[in-house]
C-alpha cells in the first residue's frame, strides 16, 4: 500500500515539475520582460506572437517588438 502511494506521489511530482519547465520569458525592445505560461506561438503570416500571461490572460504582441525569447 505504502509503495503504491509513493509511486503515485513520485509520478504526480514529476508531472508537476515538467509542467513548470515550459514557461518562457520574452524581452521586448523597449526593455519590458514578459513572463508567459507555456510556449508562445508565432503566427508566421501576421508576425504576431500569442501567449498566456501569468494571470491566465490570452495576449498578443508584434514579433518585431520582441528581442529575445528564453525558456525558464
N, C-alpha and C. Protein backbone atom coordinates (compact mmCIF):
# COMPACT_ATOMS: atom_id res chain seq x y z
N UNK A 1 0.83 -1.20 0.00
CA UNK A 1 0.00 0.00 0.00
C UNK A 1 0.87 1.25 0.00
N UNK A 2 1.86 1.30 0.93
CA UNK A 2 2.73 2.47 1.01
C UNK A 2 3.54 2.63 -0.27
N UNK A 3 3.94 1.51 -0.85
CA UNK A 3 4.75 1.56 -2.06
C UNK A 3 3.95 2.17 -3.22
N UNK A 4 2.69 1.81 -3.35
CA UNK A 4 1.87 2.35 -4.44
C UNK A 4 1.60 3.85 -4.24
N UNK A 5 1.43 4.27 -2.99
CA UNK A 5 1.22 5.70 -2.71
C UNK A 5 2.49 6.48 -3.04
N UNK A 6 3.66 5.94 -2.71
CA UNK A 6 4.92 6.61 -3.02
C UNK A 6 5.14 6.71 -4.52
N UNK A 7 4.79 5.66 -5.26
CA UNK A 7 4.94 5.68 -6.71
C UNK A 7 4.01 6.72 -7.33
N UNK A 8 2.77 6.75 -6.87
CA UNK A 8 1.81 7.74 -7.38
C UNK A 8 2.27 9.17 -7.06
N UNK A 9 2.79 9.36 -5.87
CA UNK A 9 3.29 10.68 -5.47
C UNK A 9 4.46 11.11 -6.35
N UNK A 10 5.36 10.18 -6.64
CA UNK A 10 6.52 10.48 -7.48
C UNK A 10 6.09 10.84 -8.90
N UNK A 11 5.10 10.13 -9.42
CA UNK A 11 4.60 10.42 -10.77
C UNK A 11 3.94 11.79 -10.82
N UNK A 12 3.14 12.11 -9.81
CA UNK A 12 2.50 13.42 -9.77
C UNK A 12 3.53 14.54 -9.64
N UNK A 13 4.54 14.35 -8.83
CA UNK A 13 5.58 15.35 -8.66
C UNK A 13 6.34 15.55 -9.97
N UNK A 14 6.66 14.47 -10.66
CA UNK A 14 7.37 14.58 -11.94
C UNK A 14 6.51 15.32 -12.97
N UNK A 15 5.22 15.04 -12.99
CA UNK A 15 4.31 15.74 -13.91
C UNK A 15 4.20 17.21 -13.59
N UNK A 16 4.15 17.54 -12.31
CA UNK A 16 4.07 18.93 -11.90
C UNK A 16 5.34 19.68 -12.29
N UNK A 17 6.49 19.08 -12.05
CA UNK A 17 7.76 19.73 -12.38
C UNK A 17 7.96 19.88 -13.87
N UNK A 18 7.51 18.92 -14.65
CA UNK A 18 7.66 19.05 -16.11
C UNK A 18 6.72 20.13 -16.66
N UNK A 19 5.57 20.34 -16.04
CA UNK A 19 4.66 21.40 -16.47
C UNK A 19 5.21 22.78 -16.18
N UNK A 20 5.97 22.93 -15.13
CA UNK A 20 6.56 24.22 -14.78
C UNK A 20 7.73 24.57 -15.66
N UNK A 21 8.32 23.59 -16.30
CA UNK A 21 9.53 23.83 -17.07
C UNK A 21 9.27 24.47 -18.42
N UNK A 22 8.02 24.62 -18.82
CA UNK A 22 7.74 25.12 -20.16
C UNK A 22 7.37 26.60 -20.18
N UNK A 23 7.61 27.34 -19.11
CA UNK A 23 7.33 28.77 -19.09
C UNK A 23 8.46 29.52 -19.79
N UNK A 24 8.14 30.68 -20.34
CA UNK A 24 9.10 31.47 -21.10
C UNK A 24 9.14 32.90 -20.59
N UNK A 25 10.26 33.57 -20.89
CA UNK A 25 10.42 35.00 -20.64
C UNK A 25 10.70 35.64 -21.99
N UNK A 26 9.91 36.66 -22.33
CA UNK A 26 10.15 37.41 -23.57
C UNK A 26 10.66 38.79 -23.20
N UNK A 27 11.77 39.18 -23.80
CA UNK A 27 12.32 40.52 -23.60
C UNK A 27 11.92 41.37 -24.81
N UNK A 28 11.35 42.54 -24.54
CA UNK A 28 10.96 43.43 -25.63
C UNK A 28 12.05 44.45 -25.89
N UNK A 29 11.99 45.08 -27.04
CA UNK A 29 13.00 46.06 -27.42
C UNK A 29 12.93 47.31 -26.57
N UNK A 30 11.78 47.57 -25.92
CA UNK A 30 11.67 48.73 -25.05
C UNK A 30 12.04 48.41 -23.60
N UNK A 31 12.55 47.19 -23.33
CA UNK A 31 13.07 46.84 -22.02
C UNK A 31 12.14 46.08 -21.10
N UNK A 32 10.91 45.79 -21.53
CA UNK A 32 9.98 45.03 -20.68
C UNK A 32 10.33 43.56 -20.69
N UNK A 33 10.02 42.88 -19.60
CA UNK A 33 10.17 41.43 -19.51
C UNK A 33 8.77 40.85 -19.32
N UNK A 34 8.35 39.99 -20.24
CA UNK A 34 7.02 39.39 -20.21
C UNK A 34 7.17 37.93 -19.82
N UNK A 35 6.53 37.53 -18.72
CA UNK A 35 6.55 36.15 -18.26
C UNK A 35 5.32 35.44 -18.82
N UNK A 36 5.53 34.27 -19.42
CA UNK A 36 4.42 33.54 -20.04
C UNK A 36 4.24 32.18 -19.38
N UNK A 37 3.02 31.65 -19.50
CA UNK A 37 2.73 30.27 -19.12
C UNK A 37 2.70 29.47 -20.41
N UNK A 38 3.58 28.54 -20.55
CA UNK A 38 3.65 27.75 -21.76
C UNK A 38 4.45 28.46 -22.84
N UNK A 39 4.64 27.78 -23.96
CA UNK A 39 5.42 28.32 -25.06
C UNK A 39 4.58 29.26 -25.91
N UNK A 40 5.07 30.48 -26.15
CA UNK A 40 4.35 31.39 -27.04
C UNK A 40 4.30 30.84 -28.46
N UNK A 41 3.21 31.14 -29.18
CA UNK A 41 3.04 30.67 -30.55
C UNK A 41 3.23 31.83 -31.51
N UNK A 42 4.07 31.62 -32.52
CA UNK A 42 4.36 32.65 -33.52
C UNK A 42 3.51 32.38 -34.76
N UNK A 43 2.72 33.38 -35.18
CA UNK A 43 1.94 33.28 -36.42
C UNK A 43 2.80 33.84 -37.54
N UNK A 44 3.27 32.96 -38.43
CA UNK A 44 4.19 33.35 -39.50
C UNK A 44 3.55 34.32 -40.49
N UNK A 45 2.24 34.23 -40.69
CA UNK A 45 1.60 35.09 -41.68
C UNK A 45 1.44 36.53 -41.19
N UNK A 46 1.11 36.72 -39.91
CA UNK A 46 0.90 38.06 -39.38
C UNK A 46 2.10 38.60 -38.60
N UNK A 47 2.98 37.70 -38.14
CA UNK A 47 4.12 38.12 -37.35
C UNK A 47 3.79 38.37 -35.89
N UNK A 48 2.58 38.04 -35.47
CA UNK A 48 2.16 38.23 -34.09
C UNK A 48 2.54 37.01 -33.24
N UNK A 49 2.87 37.27 -31.97
CA UNK A 49 3.18 36.21 -31.02
C UNK A 49 2.04 36.16 -30.02
N UNK A 50 1.40 35.00 -29.91
CA UNK A 50 0.31 34.78 -28.95
C UNK A 50 0.86 34.05 -27.75
N UNK A 51 0.45 34.49 -26.55
CA UNK A 51 0.93 33.86 -25.33
C UNK A 51 -0.11 34.02 -24.23
N UNK A 52 0.05 33.24 -23.18
CA UNK A 52 -0.78 33.34 -21.99
C UNK A 52 0.08 33.92 -20.89
N UNK A 53 -0.35 35.06 -20.30
CA UNK A 53 0.44 35.67 -19.24
C UNK A 53 0.24 34.92 -17.93
N UNK A 54 0.93 35.34 -16.89
CA UNK A 54 0.90 34.62 -15.61
C UNK A 54 -0.46 34.66 -14.94
N UNK A 55 -1.31 35.62 -15.30
CA UNK A 55 -2.66 35.68 -14.73
C UNK A 55 -3.65 34.84 -15.53
N UNK A 56 -3.20 34.22 -16.64
CA UNK A 56 -4.06 33.37 -17.44
C UNK A 56 -4.75 34.09 -18.59
N UNK A 57 -4.38 35.34 -18.87
CA UNK A 57 -4.99 36.10 -19.96
C UNK A 57 -4.28 35.80 -21.27
N UNK A 58 -5.09 35.63 -22.34
CA UNK A 58 -4.53 35.43 -23.67
C UNK A 58 -4.11 36.79 -24.22
N UNK A 59 -2.84 36.92 -24.61
CA UNK A 59 -2.30 38.18 -25.08
C UNK A 59 -1.60 37.98 -26.42
N UNK A 60 -1.37 39.10 -27.13
CA UNK A 60 -0.61 39.08 -28.37
C UNK A 60 0.35 40.26 -28.38
N UNK A 61 1.48 40.06 -29.03
CA UNK A 61 2.46 41.13 -29.20
C UNK A 61 3.06 40.98 -30.60
N UNK A 62 3.42 42.10 -31.20
CA UNK A 62 4.05 42.07 -32.50
C UNK A 62 5.42 41.43 -32.37
N UNK A 63 5.74 40.50 -33.24
CA UNK A 63 7.02 39.82 -33.19
C UNK A 63 8.21 40.75 -33.36
N UNK A 64 8.02 41.87 -34.06
CA UNK A 64 9.11 42.84 -34.25
C UNK A 64 9.47 43.55 -32.95
N UNK A 65 8.57 43.55 -31.96
CA UNK A 65 8.82 44.20 -30.68
C UNK A 65 9.58 43.31 -29.70
N UNK A 66 9.73 42.03 -30.02
CA UNK A 66 10.38 41.08 -29.12
C UNK A 66 11.83 40.91 -29.55
N UNK A 67 12.75 41.12 -28.60
CA UNK A 67 14.18 40.96 -28.92
C UNK A 67 14.69 39.57 -28.57
N UNK A 68 14.09 38.94 -27.56
CA UNK A 68 14.57 37.63 -27.12
C UNK A 68 13.44 36.84 -26.47
N UNK A 69 13.48 35.51 -26.65
CA UNK A 69 12.53 34.61 -26.01
C UNK A 69 13.34 33.47 -25.39
N UNK A 70 13.24 33.33 -24.07
CA UNK A 70 14.06 32.36 -23.34
C UNK A 70 13.16 31.45 -22.51
N UNK A 71 13.43 30.15 -22.55
CA UNK A 71 12.70 29.21 -21.69
C UNK A 71 13.28 29.31 -20.29
N UNK A 72 12.38 29.40 -19.28
CA UNK A 72 12.89 29.47 -17.91
C UNK A 72 12.64 28.20 -17.15
